[in-house]
ModelCIF file with pLDDT and N, C-alpha, C, O atoms, coordinates in Angstrom:
data_MODEL
#
_entry.id   MODEL 
#
_entity.id                         1 
_entity.type                       polymer 
_entity.pdbx_number_of_molecules   1 
#
_entity_poly.entity_id                      1 
_entity_poly.type                           'polypeptide(L)' 
_entity_poly.nstd_linkage                   no 
_entity_poly.nstd_monomer                   no 
_entity_poly.pdbx_seq_one_letter_code       LVPGRSSADAARGEGGLVKNPSVAAMRDASQQLR 
_entity_poly.pdbx_seq_one_letter_code_can   LVPGRSSADAARGEGGLVKNPSVAAMRDASQQLR 
_entity_poly.pdbx_strand_id                 A 
#
loop_
_entity_poly_seq.entity_id 
_entity_poly_seq.num 
_entity_poly_seq.mon_id 
_entity_poly_seq.hetero 
1 1  LEU n 
1 2  VAL n 
1 3  PRO n 
1 4  GLY n 
1 5  ARG n 
1 6  SER n 
1 7  SER n 
1 8  ALA n 
1 9  ASP n 
1 10 ALA n 
1 11 ALA n 
1 12 ARG n 
1 13 GLY n 
1 14 GLU n 
1 15 GLY n 
1 16 GLY n 
1 17 LEU n 
1 18 VAL n 
1 19 LYS n 
1 20 ASN n 
1 21 PRO n 
1 22 SER n 
1 23 VAL n 
1 24 ALA n 
1 25 ALA n 
1 26 MET n 
1 27 ARG n 
1 28 ASP n 
1 29 ALA n 
1 30 SER n 
1 31 GLN n 
1 32 GLN n 
1 33 LEU n 
1 34 ARG n 
#
_struct_asym.id          A 
_struct_asym.entity_id   1 
#
loop_
_ma_qa_metric.id 
_ma_qa_metric.mode 
_ma_qa_metric.name 
_ma_qa_metric.software_group_id 
_ma_qa_metric.type 
1 global pLDDT . pLDDT 
2 local  pLDDT . pLDDT 
#
_ma_qa_metric_global.metric_id      1 
_ma_qa_metric_global.metric_value   87.18 
_ma_qa_metric_global.model_id       1 
_ma_qa_metric_global.ordinal_id     1 
#
loop_
_ma_qa_metric_local.label_asym_id 
_ma_qa_metric_local.label_comp_id 
_ma_qa_metric_local.label_seq_id 
_ma_qa_metric_local.metric_id 
_ma_qa_metric_local.metric_value 
_ma_qa_metric_local.model_id 
_ma_qa_metric_local.ordinal_id 
A LEU 1  2 91.00 1 1  
A VAL 2  2 91.00 1 2  
A PRO 3  2 87.00 1 3  
A GLY 4  2 84.00 1 4  
A ARG 5  2 78.00 1 5  
A SER 6  2 79.00 1 6  
A SER 7  2 75.00 1 7  
A ALA 8  2 75.00 1 8  
A ASP 9  2 71.00 1 9  
A ALA 10 2 71.00 1 10 
A ALA 11 2 69.00 1 11 
A ARG 12 2 72.00 1 12 
A GLY 13 2 70.00 1 13 
A GLU 14 2 72.00 1 14 
A GLY 15 2 76.00 1 15 
A GLY 16 2 81.00 1 16 
A LEU 17 2 89.00 1 17 
A VAL 18 2 88.00 1 18 
A LYS 19 2 90.00 1 19 
A ASN 20 2 95.00 1 20 
A PRO 21 2 95.00 1 21 
A SER 22 2 97.00 1 22 
A VAL 23 2 97.00 1 23 
A ALA 24 2 96.00 1 24 
A ALA 25 2 97.00 1 25 
A MET 26 2 97.00 1 26 
A ARG 27 2 97.00 1 27 
A ASP 28 2 98.00 1 28 
A ALA 29 2 98.00 1 29 
A SER 30 2 98.00 1 30 
A GLN 31 2 98.00 1 31 
A GLN 32 2 98.00 1 32 
A LEU 33 2 97.00 1 33 
A ARG 34 2 97.00 1 34 
#
loop_
_atom_site.group_PDB 
_atom_site.id 
_atom_site.type_symbol 
_atom_site.label_atom_id 
_atom_site.label_alt_id 
_atom_site.label_comp_id 
_atom_site.label_asym_id 
_atom_site.label_entity_id 
_atom_site.label_seq_id 
_atom_site.pdbx_PDB_ins_code 
_atom_site.Cartn_x 
_atom_site.Cartn_y 
_atom_site.Cartn_z 
_atom_site.occupancy 
_atom_site.B_iso_or_equiv 
_atom_site.pdbx_formal_charge 
_atom_site.auth_seq_id 
_atom_site.auth_comp_id 
_atom_site.auth_asym_id 
_atom_site.auth_atom_id 
_atom_site.pdbx_PDB_model_num 
ATOM 1   N N  . LEU A 1 1  ? -5.610  -27.422 -82.170 1.00 91.00 ? 1  LEU A N  1 
ATOM 2   C CA . LEU A 1 1  ? -4.494  -28.180 -82.112 1.00 91.00 ? 1  LEU A CA 1 
ATOM 3   C C  . LEU A 1 1  ? -2.880  -27.105 -81.735 1.00 91.00 ? 1  LEU A C  1 
ATOM 4   O O  . LEU A 1 1  ? -2.176  -26.333 -82.387 1.00 91.00 ? 1  LEU A O  1 
ATOM 5   N N  . VAL A 1 2  ? -2.892  -27.462 -80.801 1.00 91.00 ? 2  VAL A N  1 
ATOM 6   C CA . VAL A 1 2  ? -2.118  -26.961 -79.453 1.00 91.00 ? 2  VAL A CA 1 
ATOM 7   C C  . VAL A 1 2  ? -0.609  -27.157 -79.763 1.00 91.00 ? 2  VAL A C  1 
ATOM 8   O O  . VAL A 1 2  ? -0.340  -27.939 -80.674 1.00 91.00 ? 2  VAL A O  1 
ATOM 9   N N  . PRO A 1 3  ? 0.440   -26.516 -79.088 1.00 87.00 ? 3  PRO A N  1 
ATOM 10  C CA . PRO A 1 3  ? 1.480   -26.929 -78.825 1.00 87.00 ? 3  PRO A CA 1 
ATOM 11  C C  . PRO A 1 3  ? 1.558   -27.846 -77.767 1.00 87.00 ? 3  PRO A C  1 
ATOM 12  O O  . PRO A 1 3  ? 0.827   -27.576 -76.813 1.00 87.00 ? 3  PRO A O  1 
ATOM 13  N N  . GLY A 1 4  ? 2.214   -28.810 -77.680 1.00 84.00 ? 4  GLY A N  1 
ATOM 14  C CA . GLY A 1 4  ? 2.129   -29.328 -76.307 1.00 84.00 ? 4  GLY A CA 1 
ATOM 15  C C  . GLY A 1 4  ? 3.128   -28.982 -75.567 1.00 84.00 ? 4  GLY A C  1 
ATOM 16  O O  . GLY A 1 4  ? 4.074   -28.349 -76.035 1.00 84.00 ? 4  GLY A O  1 
ATOM 17  N N  . ARG A 1 5  ? 3.030   -29.503 -73.782 1.00 78.00 ? 5  ARG A N  1 
ATOM 18  C CA . ARG A 1 5  ? 4.441   -29.055 -73.031 1.00 78.00 ? 5  ARG A CA 1 
ATOM 19  C C  . ARG A 1 5  ? 5.149   -29.993 -72.674 1.00 78.00 ? 5  ARG A C  1 
ATOM 20  O O  . ARG A 1 5  ? 6.016   -29.806 -71.820 1.00 78.00 ? 5  ARG A O  1 
ATOM 21  N N  . SER A 1 6  ? 4.958   -31.167 -73.217 1.00 79.00 ? 6  SER A N  1 
ATOM 22  C CA . SER A 1 6  ? 6.055   -32.129 -72.561 1.00 79.00 ? 6  SER A CA 1 
ATOM 23  C C  . SER A 1 6  ? 7.152   -32.930 -73.648 1.00 79.00 ? 6  SER A C  1 
ATOM 24  O O  . SER A 1 6  ? 6.907   -32.901 -74.854 1.00 79.00 ? 6  SER A O  1 
ATOM 25  N N  . SER A 1 7  ? 8.129   -33.500 -73.227 1.00 75.00 ? 7  SER A N  1 
ATOM 26  C CA . SER A 1 7  ? 9.347   -34.118 -74.387 1.00 75.00 ? 7  SER A CA 1 
ATOM 27  C C  . SER A 1 7  ? 8.490   -35.090 -75.210 1.00 75.00 ? 7  SER A C  1 
ATOM 28  O O  . SER A 1 7  ? 9.050   -35.373 -76.270 1.00 75.00 ? 7  SER A O  1 
ATOM 29  N N  . ALA A 1 8  ? 7.622   -35.524 -75.087 1.00 75.00 ? 8  ALA A N  1 
ATOM 30  C CA . ALA A 1 8  ? 6.916   -36.757 -75.355 1.00 75.00 ? 8  ALA A CA 1 
ATOM 31  C C  . ALA A 1 8  ? 6.439   -36.158 -76.125 1.00 75.00 ? 8  ALA A C  1 
ATOM 32  O O  . ALA A 1 8  ? 6.702   -36.612 -77.238 1.00 75.00 ? 8  ALA A O  1 
ATOM 33  N N  . ASP A 1 9  ? 5.664   -35.086 -76.156 1.00 71.00 ? 9  ASP A N  1 
ATOM 34  C CA . ASP A 1 9  ? 5.047   -34.633 -77.354 1.00 71.00 ? 9  ASP A CA 1 
ATOM 35  C C  . ASP A 1 9  ? 5.330   -33.960 -78.710 1.00 71.00 ? 9  ASP A C  1 
ATOM 36  O O  . ASP A 1 9  ? 4.776   -33.869 -79.806 1.00 71.00 ? 9  ASP A O  1 
ATOM 37  N N  . ALA A 1 10 ? 6.741   -33.421 -77.959 1.00 71.00 ? 10 ALA A N  1 
ATOM 38  C CA . ALA A 1 10 ? 7.980   -32.715 -79.294 1.00 71.00 ? 10 ALA A CA 1 
ATOM 39  C C  . ALA A 1 10 ? 8.075   -34.204 -80.243 1.00 71.00 ? 10 ALA A C  1 
ATOM 40  O O  . ALA A 1 10 ? 7.772   -34.399 -81.420 1.00 71.00 ? 10 ALA A O  1 
ATOM 41  N N  . ALA A 1 11 ? 8.667   -35.201 -79.122 1.00 69.00 ? 11 ALA A N  1 
ATOM 42  C CA . ALA A 1 11 ? 9.648   -36.052 -79.745 1.00 69.00 ? 11 ALA A CA 1 
ATOM 43  C C  . ALA A 1 11 ? 8.397   -36.751 -80.642 1.00 69.00 ? 11 ALA A C  1 
ATOM 44  O O  . ALA A 1 11 ? 8.808   -37.285 -81.672 1.00 69.00 ? 11 ALA A O  1 
ATOM 45  N N  . ARG A 1 12 ? 7.145   -36.824 -80.454 1.00 72.00 ? 12 ARG A N  1 
ATOM 46  C CA . ARG A 1 12 ? 5.909   -37.068 -81.586 1.00 72.00 ? 12 ARG A CA 1 
ATOM 47  C C  . ARG A 1 12 ? 5.941   -36.976 -83.075 1.00 72.00 ? 12 ARG A C  1 
ATOM 48  O O  . ARG A 1 12 ? 5.849   -37.731 -84.042 1.00 72.00 ? 12 ARG A O  1 
ATOM 49  N N  . GLY A 1 13 ? 6.107   -35.754 -82.828 1.00 70.00 ? 13 GLY A N  1 
ATOM 50  C CA . GLY A 1 13 ? 6.692   -35.000 -84.770 1.00 70.00 ? 13 GLY A CA 1 
ATOM 51  C C  . GLY A 1 13 ? 5.305   -34.594 -84.759 1.00 70.00 ? 13 GLY A C  1 
ATOM 52  O O  . GLY A 1 13 ? 4.631   -34.502 -83.734 1.00 70.00 ? 13 GLY A O  1 
ATOM 53  N N  . GLU A 1 14 ? 4.971   -34.395 -85.727 1.00 72.00 ? 14 GLU A N  1 
ATOM 54  C CA . GLU A 1 14 ? 4.481   -33.123 -86.234 1.00 72.00 ? 14 GLU A CA 1 
ATOM 55  C C  . GLU A 1 14 ? 4.446   -31.602 -85.413 1.00 72.00 ? 14 GLU A C  1 
ATOM 56  O O  . GLU A 1 14 ? 3.394   -30.978 -85.270 1.00 72.00 ? 14 GLU A O  1 
ATOM 57  N N  . GLY A 1 15 ? 5.587   -31.186 -84.973 1.00 76.00 ? 15 GLY A N  1 
ATOM 58  C CA . GLY A 1 15 ? 5.334   -30.354 -84.335 1.00 76.00 ? 15 GLY A CA 1 
ATOM 59  C C  . GLY A 1 15 ? 5.024   -30.014 -83.232 1.00 76.00 ? 15 GLY A C  1 
ATOM 60  O O  . GLY A 1 15 ? 4.886   -28.849 -82.858 1.00 76.00 ? 15 GLY A O  1 
ATOM 61  N N  . GLY A 1 16 ? 4.862   -31.115 -82.508 1.00 81.00 ? 16 GLY A N  1 
ATOM 62  C CA . GLY A 1 16 ? 5.056   -31.758 -80.687 1.00 81.00 ? 16 GLY A CA 1 
ATOM 63  C C  . GLY A 1 16 ? 3.039   -30.844 -81.000 1.00 81.00 ? 16 GLY A C  1 
ATOM 64  O O  . GLY A 1 16 ? 2.896   -30.212 -79.953 1.00 81.00 ? 16 GLY A O  1 
ATOM 65  N N  . LEU A 1 17 ? 1.762   -30.611 -81.850 1.00 89.00 ? 17 LEU A N  1 
ATOM 66  C CA . LEU A 1 17 ? 0.865   -30.362 -81.821 1.00 89.00 ? 17 LEU A CA 1 
ATOM 67  C C  . LEU A 1 17 ? 0.109   -31.489 -80.832 1.00 89.00 ? 17 LEU A C  1 
ATOM 68  O O  . LEU A 1 17 ? 0.551   -32.626 -81.000 1.00 89.00 ? 17 LEU A O  1 
ATOM 69  N N  . VAL A 1 18 ? -0.547  -31.414 -80.213 1.00 88.00 ? 18 VAL A N  1 
ATOM 70  C CA . VAL A 1 18 ? -1.662  -32.041 -79.671 1.00 88.00 ? 18 VAL A CA 1 
ATOM 71  C C  . VAL A 1 18 ? -2.760  -31.714 -79.383 1.00 88.00 ? 18 VAL A C  1 
ATOM 72  O O  . VAL A 1 18 ? -2.783  -30.507 -79.142 1.00 88.00 ? 18 VAL A O  1 
ATOM 73  N N  . LYS A 1 19 ? -3.909  -32.280 -79.259 1.00 90.00 ? 19 LYS A N  1 
ATOM 74  C CA . LYS A 1 19 ? -5.401  -31.616 -79.547 1.00 90.00 ? 19 LYS A CA 1 
ATOM 75  C C  . LYS A 1 19 ? -5.981  -30.964 -78.361 1.00 90.00 ? 19 LYS A C  1 
ATOM 76  O O  . LYS A 1 19 ? -6.337  -31.500 -77.311 1.00 90.00 ? 19 LYS A O  1 
ATOM 77  N N  . ASN A 1 20 ? -6.018  -29.721 -78.695 1.00 95.00 ? 20 ASN A N  1 
ATOM 78  C CA . ASN A 1 20 ? -7.160  -28.453 -77.510 1.00 95.00 ? 20 ASN A CA 1 
ATOM 79  C C  . ASN A 1 20 ? -6.963  -29.288 -76.876 1.00 95.00 ? 20 ASN A C  1 
ATOM 80  O O  . ASN A 1 20 ? -6.267  -30.196 -77.329 1.00 95.00 ? 20 ASN A O  1 
ATOM 81  N N  . PRO A 1 21 ? -7.538  -29.382 -75.391 1.00 95.00 ? 21 PRO A N  1 
ATOM 82  C CA . PRO A 1 21 ? -8.199  -29.946 -74.505 1.00 95.00 ? 21 PRO A CA 1 
ATOM 83  C C  . PRO A 1 21 ? -9.468  -28.721 -74.304 1.00 95.00 ? 21 PRO A C  1 
ATOM 84  O O  . PRO A 1 21 ? -10.409 -28.973 -73.551 1.00 95.00 ? 21 PRO A O  1 
ATOM 85  N N  . SER A 1 22 ? -9.426  -27.951 -74.732 1.00 97.00 ? 22 SER A N  1 
ATOM 86  C CA . SER A 1 22 ? -10.653 -27.769 -75.133 1.00 97.00 ? 22 SER A CA 1 
ATOM 87  C C  . SER A 1 22 ? -12.021 -27.717 -76.069 1.00 97.00 ? 22 SER A C  1 
ATOM 88  O O  . SER A 1 22 ? -13.107 -27.174 -76.273 1.00 97.00 ? 22 SER A O  1 
ATOM 89  N N  . VAL A 1 23 ? -11.147 -28.650 -76.436 1.00 97.00 ? 23 VAL A N  1 
ATOM 90  C CA . VAL A 1 23 ? -12.076 -29.754 -77.597 1.00 97.00 ? 23 VAL A CA 1 
ATOM 91  C C  . VAL A 1 23 ? -12.879 -30.381 -76.947 1.00 97.00 ? 23 VAL A C  1 
ATOM 92  O O  . VAL A 1 23 ? -14.084 -30.171 -77.084 1.00 97.00 ? 23 VAL A O  1 
ATOM 93  N N  . ALA A 1 24 ? -12.361 -31.368 -76.020 1.00 96.00 ? 24 ALA A N  1 
ATOM 94  C CA . ALA A 1 24 ? -13.314 -32.390 -75.413 1.00 96.00 ? 24 ALA A CA 1 
ATOM 95  C C  . ALA A 1 24 ? -13.543 -31.713 -74.483 1.00 96.00 ? 24 ALA A C  1 
ATOM 96  O O  . ALA A 1 24 ? -13.783 -32.560 -73.623 1.00 96.00 ? 24 ALA A O  1 
ATOM 97  N N  . ALA A 1 25 ? -13.708 -30.187 -73.739 1.00 97.00 ? 25 ALA A N  1 
ATOM 98  C CA . ALA A 1 25 ? -14.528 -29.500 -73.211 1.00 97.00 ? 25 ALA A CA 1 
ATOM 99  C C  . ALA A 1 25 ? -15.991 -28.744 -73.831 1.00 97.00 ? 25 ALA A C  1 
ATOM 100 O O  . ALA A 1 25 ? -17.131 -28.297 -73.710 1.00 97.00 ? 25 ALA A O  1 
ATOM 101 N N  . MET A 1 26 ? -14.900 -29.039 -74.516 1.00 97.00 ? 26 MET A N  1 
ATOM 102 C CA . MET A 1 26 ? -17.313 -28.403 -75.413 1.00 97.00 ? 26 MET A CA 1 
ATOM 103 C C  . MET A 1 26 ? -17.415 -29.176 -75.625 1.00 97.00 ? 26 MET A C  1 
ATOM 104 O O  . MET A 1 26 ? -18.602 -29.098 -75.944 1.00 97.00 ? 26 MET A O  1 
ATOM 105 N N  . ARG A 1 27 ? -17.110 -30.379 -75.822 1.00 97.00 ? 27 ARG A N  1 
ATOM 106 C CA . ARG A 1 27 ? -17.679 -31.505 -76.417 1.00 97.00 ? 27 ARG A CA 1 
ATOM 107 C C  . ARG A 1 27 ? -17.891 -32.180 -75.238 1.00 97.00 ? 27 ARG A C  1 
ATOM 108 O O  . ARG A 1 27 ? -17.808 -33.356 -75.593 1.00 97.00 ? 27 ARG A O  1 
ATOM 109 N N  . ASP A 1 28 ? -18.119 -32.170 -74.028 1.00 98.00 ? 28 ASP A N  1 
ATOM 110 C CA . ASP A 1 28 ? -18.712 -31.730 -72.569 1.00 98.00 ? 28 ASP A CA 1 
ATOM 111 C C  . ASP A 1 28 ? -19.836 -31.235 -72.053 1.00 98.00 ? 28 ASP A C  1 
ATOM 112 O O  . ASP A 1 28 ? -20.792 -31.657 -71.403 1.00 98.00 ? 28 ASP A O  1 
ATOM 113 N N  . ALA A 1 29 ? -19.442 -30.146 -72.549 1.00 98.00 ? 29 ALA A N  1 
ATOM 114 C CA . ALA A 1 29 ? -20.130 -29.067 -72.334 1.00 98.00 ? 29 ALA A CA 1 
ATOM 115 C C  . ALA A 1 29 ? -21.574 -29.254 -73.279 1.00 98.00 ? 29 ALA A C  1 
ATOM 116 O O  . ALA A 1 29 ? -22.659 -28.948 -72.785 1.00 98.00 ? 29 ALA A O  1 
ATOM 117 N N  . SER A 1 30 ? -21.477 -29.738 -74.554 1.00 98.00 ? 30 SER A N  1 
ATOM 118 C CA . SER A 1 30 ? -22.354 -29.388 -75.034 1.00 98.00 ? 30 SER A CA 1 
ATOM 119 C C  . SER A 1 30 ? -23.518 -30.544 -74.929 1.00 98.00 ? 30 SER A C  1 
ATOM 120 O O  . SER A 1 30 ? -24.717 -30.396 -75.166 1.00 98.00 ? 30 SER A O  1 
ATOM 121 N N  . GLN A 1 31 ? -22.743 -31.895 -74.450 1.00 98.00 ? 31 GLN A N  1 
ATOM 122 C CA . GLN A 1 31 ? -23.831 -32.937 -74.355 1.00 98.00 ? 31 GLN A CA 1 
ATOM 123 C C  . GLN A 1 31 ? -24.297 -32.752 -73.232 1.00 98.00 ? 31 GLN A C  1 
ATOM 124 O O  . GLN A 1 31 ? -25.079 -33.633 -72.876 1.00 98.00 ? 31 GLN A O  1 
ATOM 125 N N  . GLN A 1 32 ? -24.005 -31.393 -72.045 1.00 98.00 ? 32 GLN A N  1 
ATOM 126 C CA . GLN A 1 32 ? -24.663 -31.840 -70.726 1.00 98.00 ? 32 GLN A CA 1 
ATOM 127 C C  . GLN A 1 32 ? -25.646 -30.248 -71.275 1.00 98.00 ? 32 GLN A C  1 
ATOM 128 O O  . GLN A 1 32 ? -25.963 -29.685 -70.228 1.00 98.00 ? 32 GLN A O  1 
ATOM 129 N N  . LEU A 1 33 ? -25.988 -29.719 -72.068 1.00 97.00 ? 33 LEU A N  1 
ATOM 130 C CA . LEU A 1 33 ? -26.326 -28.212 -72.053 1.00 97.00 ? 33 LEU A CA 1 
ATOM 131 C C  . LEU A 1 33 ? -27.457 -29.266 -73.419 1.00 97.00 ? 33 LEU A C  1 
ATOM 132 O O  . LEU A 1 33 ? -28.661 -29.079 -73.245 1.00 97.00 ? 33 LEU A O  1 
ATOM 133 N N  . ARG A 1 34 ? -27.216 -29.926 -74.226 1.00 97.00 ? 34 ARG A N  1 
ATOM 134 C CA . ARG A 1 34 ? -28.546 -30.915 -74.801 1.00 97.00 ? 34 ARG A CA 1 
ATOM 135 C C  . ARG A 1 34 ? -29.164 -31.153 -73.672 1.00 97.00 ? 34 ARG A C  1 
ATOM 136 O O  . ARG A 1 34 ? -30.185 -31.841 -73.660 1.00 97.00 ? 34 ARG A O  1 
#
């Protein structure tokens, strides 16, 4: 989880944390690698 960059992320609560985009990048890379 990383800090969000938009005001909507901050308004969502939980400290404005969002899923790190690298999680999706790692999932996609692991599928291609496999």
